[in-house]
């Protein structure tokens, strides 16, 4: 899929996992990206989650199910450890979280 779409799905999954590690009790705040190159863009975990969502829409059923299982577990932790941004006008739930400015 990465060759077909040019998206770094494996890197995005790793970045999402790294953002949530190690386990902590205090809230986490996604940091907006400062560079537009493909790999640096994933420094913003919300961009990494966008890549994963695109992959979930394009993968064949078996691969989609496996990736969805992994992403859903990370999503649960992301929701638990980030705070909602009540003023956000973003479309996706993972972008409607408070960030570092």
C-alpha atoms as a PDB file:
ATOM      1  CA  UNK A   1       0.000   0.000   0.000  1.00  0.00           C
ATOM      2  CA  UNK A   2       2.827   2.417   0.806  1.00  0.00           C
ATOM      3  CA  UNK A   3       4.228   2.001  -2.700  1.00  0.00           C
ATOM      4  CA  UNK A   4       0.792   2.479  -4.272  1.00  0.00           C
ATOM      5  CA  UNK A   5      -0.270   5.539  -2.293  1.00  0.00           C
ATOM      6  CA  UNK A   6       3.046   7.069  -1.236  1.00  0.00           C
ATOM      7  CA  UNK A   7       1.791   7.249   2.354  1.00  0.00           C
ATOM      8  CA  UNK A   8       3.973   6.034   5.195  1.00  0.00           C
ATOM      9  CA  UNK A   9       1.469   3.731   6.889  1.00  0.00           C
ATOM     10  CA  UNK A  10       4.018   1.803   8.957  1.00  0.00           C
ATOM     11  CA  UNK A  11       5.681   5.003  10.080  1.00  0.00           C
ATOM     12  CA  UNK A  12       2.293   6.533  10.924  1.00  0.00           C
ATOM     13  CA  UNK A  13       1.371   3.541  13.099  1.00  0.00           C
ATOM     14  CA  UNK A  14       4.746   3.685  14.839  1.00  0.00           C
ATOM     15  CA  UNK A  15       4.391   7.440  15.433  1.00  0.00           C
ATOM     16  CA  UNK A  16       0.898   6.996  16.875  1.00  0.00           C
ATOM     17  CA  UNK A  17       2.171   4.276  19.212  1.00  0.00           C
ATOM     18  CA  UNK A  18       5.213   6.363  20.241  1.00  0.00           C
ATOM     19  CA  UNK A  19       3.039   9.374  21.057  1.00  0.00           C
ATOM     20  CA  UNK A  20       1.167   7.265  23.605  1.00  0.00           C
ATOM     21  CA  UNK A  21       4.297   5.663  25.138  1.00  0.00           C
ATOM     22  CA  UNK A  22       5.246   5.365  27.882  1.00  0.00           C
ATOM     23  CA  UNK A  23       1.998   5.279  29.824  1.00  0.00           C
ATOM     24  CA  UNK A  24       1.442   8.434  31.842  1.00  0.00           C
ATOM     25  CA  UNK A  25      -1.359   9.792  33.943  1.00  0.00           C
ATOM     26  CA  UNK A  26      -1.334  13.417  32.822  1.00  0.00           C
ATOM     27  CA  UNK A  27      -2.840  14.656  29.546  1.00  0.00           C
ATOM     28  CA  UNK A  28      -0.922  14.580  26.286  1.00  0.00           C
ATOM     29  CA  UNK A  29      -1.092  17.417  23.762  1.00  0.00           C
ATOM     30  CA  UNK A  30      -0.461  16.843  20.050  1.00  0.00           C
ATOM     31  CA  UNK A  31       2.108  19.230  18.577  1.00  0.00           C
ATOM     32  CA  UNK A  32       1.320  20.840  15.208  1.00  0.00           C
ATOM     33  CA  UNK A  33       3.757  19.991  12.434  1.00  0.00           C
ATOM     34  CA  UNK A  34       6.355  22.578  11.484  1.00  0.00           C
ATOM     35  CA  UNK A  35       7.729  20.913   8.357  1.00  0.00           C
ATOM     36  CA  UNK A  36       5.800  19.781   5.305  1.00  0.00           C
ATOM     37  CA  UNK A  37       8.047  16.910   4.196  1.00  0.00           C
ATOM     38  CA  UNK A  38       6.275  13.521   4.391  1.00  0.00           C
ATOM     39  CA  UNK A  39       8.208  12.031   7.308  1.00  0.00           C
ATOM     40  CA  UNK A  40       8.383  15.236   9.399  1.00  0.00           C
ATOM     41  CA  UNK A  41       4.697  15.799   8.800  1.00  0.00           C
ATOM     42  CA  UNK A  42       4.052  12.710  10.941  1.00  0.00           C
ATOM     43  CA  UNK A  43       5.573  14.473  13.945  1.00  0.00           C
ATOM     44  CA  UNK A  44       2.037  15.779  14.384  1.00  0.00           C
ATOM     45  CA  UNK A  45       0.298  12.635  15.601  1.00  0.00           C
ATOM     46  CA  UNK A  46      -2.960  13.900  14.101  1.00  0.00           C
ATOM     47  CA  UNK A  47      -1.395  13.701  10.637  1.00  0.00           C
ATOM     48  CA  UNK A  48      -0.261  10.164  11.433  1.00  0.00           C
ATOM     49  CA  UNK A  49      -3.848   9.292  12.375  1.00  0.00           C
ATOM     50  CA  UNK A  50      -5.040  10.801   9.062  1.00  0.00           C
ATOM     51  CA  UNK A  51      -2.690   8.465   7.180  1.00  0.00           C
ATOM     52  CA  UNK A  52      -4.008   5.489   9.140  1.00  0.00           C
ATOM     53  CA  UNK A  53      -7.595   6.455   8.371  1.00  0.00           C
ATOM     54  CA  UNK A  54      -6.786   6.680   4.655  1.00  0.00           C
ATOM     55  CA  UNK A  55      -5.175   3.243   4.833  1.00  0.00           C
ATOM     56  CA  UNK A  56      -8.243   1.801   6.577  1.00  0.00           C
ATOM     57  CA  UNK A  57     -10.384   3.038   3.699  1.00  0.00           C
ATOM     58  CA  UNK A  58      -8.114   1.566   0.997  1.00  0.00           C
ATOM     59  CA  UNK A  59      -6.847  -1.754   2.342  1.00  0.00           C
ATOM     60  CA  UNK A  60      -8.390  -5.094   1.404  1.00  0.00           C
ATOM     61  CA  UNK A  61     -10.682  -6.609   4.076  1.00  0.00           C
ATOM     62  CA  UNK A  62      -8.205  -8.884   5.891  1.00  0.00           C
ATOM     63  CA  UNK A  63      -5.461  -6.251   6.149  1.00  0.00           C
ATOM     64  CA  UNK A  64      -8.061  -3.609   7.054  1.00  0.00           C
ATOM     65  CA  UNK A  65      -9.340  -5.741   9.936  1.00  0.00           C
ATOM     66  CA  UNK A  66      -5.828  -6.228  11.335  1.00  0.00           C
ATOM     67  CA  UNK A  67      -4.929  -2.551  11.077  1.00  0.00           C
ATOM     68  CA  UNK A  68      -8.307  -1.501  12.495  1.00  0.00           C
ATOM     69  CA  UNK A  69      -7.769  -3.715  15.541  1.00  0.00           C
ATOM     70  CA  UNK A  70      -4.432  -2.020  16.256  1.00  0.00           C
ATOM     71  CA  UNK A  71      -5.678   1.496  15.545  1.00  0.00           C
ATOM     72  CA  UNK A  72      -8.802   1.071  17.689  1.00  0.00           C
ATOM     73  CA  UNK A  73      -6.681   0.142  20.715  1.00  0.00           C
ATOM     74  CA  UNK A  74      -4.519   3.230  20.168  1.00  0.00           C
ATOM     75  CA  UNK A  75      -7.607   5.396  19.600  1.00  0.00           C
ATOM     76  CA  UNK A  76      -9.002   4.327  22.950  1.00  0.00           C
ATOM     77  CA  UNK A  77      -5.787   5.372  24.681  1.00  0.00           C
ATOM     78  CA  UNK A  78      -5.587   8.617  22.676  1.00  0.00           C
ATOM     79  CA  UNK A  79      -9.111   9.584  23.777  1.00  0.00           C
ATOM     80  CA  UNK A  80      -8.276   8.759  27.383  1.00  0.00           C
ATOM     81  CA  UNK A  81      -5.022  10.730  27.456  1.00  0.00           C
ATOM     82  CA  UNK A  82      -5.902  13.844  25.442  1.00  0.00           C
ATOM     83  CA  UNK A  83      -8.400  16.557  26.206  1.00  0.00           C
ATOM     84  CA  UNK A  84     -11.292  17.588  23.962  1.00  0.00           C
ATOM     85  CA  UNK A  85     -11.121  20.990  22.326  1.00  0.00           C
ATOM     86  CA  UNK A  86     -14.677  22.246  22.668  1.00  0.00           C
ATOM     87  CA  UNK A  87     -14.041  25.125  20.254  1.00  0.00           C
ATOM     88  CA  UNK A  88     -12.500  23.107  17.455  1.00  0.00           C
ATOM     89  CA  UNK A  89     -14.156  23.097  14.063  1.00  0.00           C
ATOM     90  CA  UNK A  90     -12.149  20.131  12.765  1.00  0.00           C
ATOM     91  CA  UNK A  91     -14.044  17.314  11.044  1.00  0.00           C
ATOM     92  CA  UNK A  92     -12.364  14.287  12.607  1.00  0.00           C
ATOM     93  CA  UNK A  93     -12.547  13.465  16.293  1.00  0.00           C
ATOM     94  CA  UNK A  94      -8.748  13.055  16.673  1.00  0.00           C
ATOM     95  CA  UNK A  95      -8.243  16.623  15.486  1.00  0.00           C
ATOM     96  CA  UNK A  96     -10.766  17.953  17.998  1.00  0.00           C
ATOM     97  CA  UNK A  97      -8.282  17.591  20.878  1.00  0.00           C
ATOM     98  CA  UNK A  98      -6.320  20.332  22.640  1.00  0.00           C
ATOM     99  CA  UNK A  99      -2.871  20.902  21.142  1.00  0.00           C
ATOM    100  CA  UNK A 100       0.327  22.688  22.076  1.00  0.00           C
ATOM    101  CA  UNK A 101       0.498  26.045  20.310  1.00  0.00           C
END
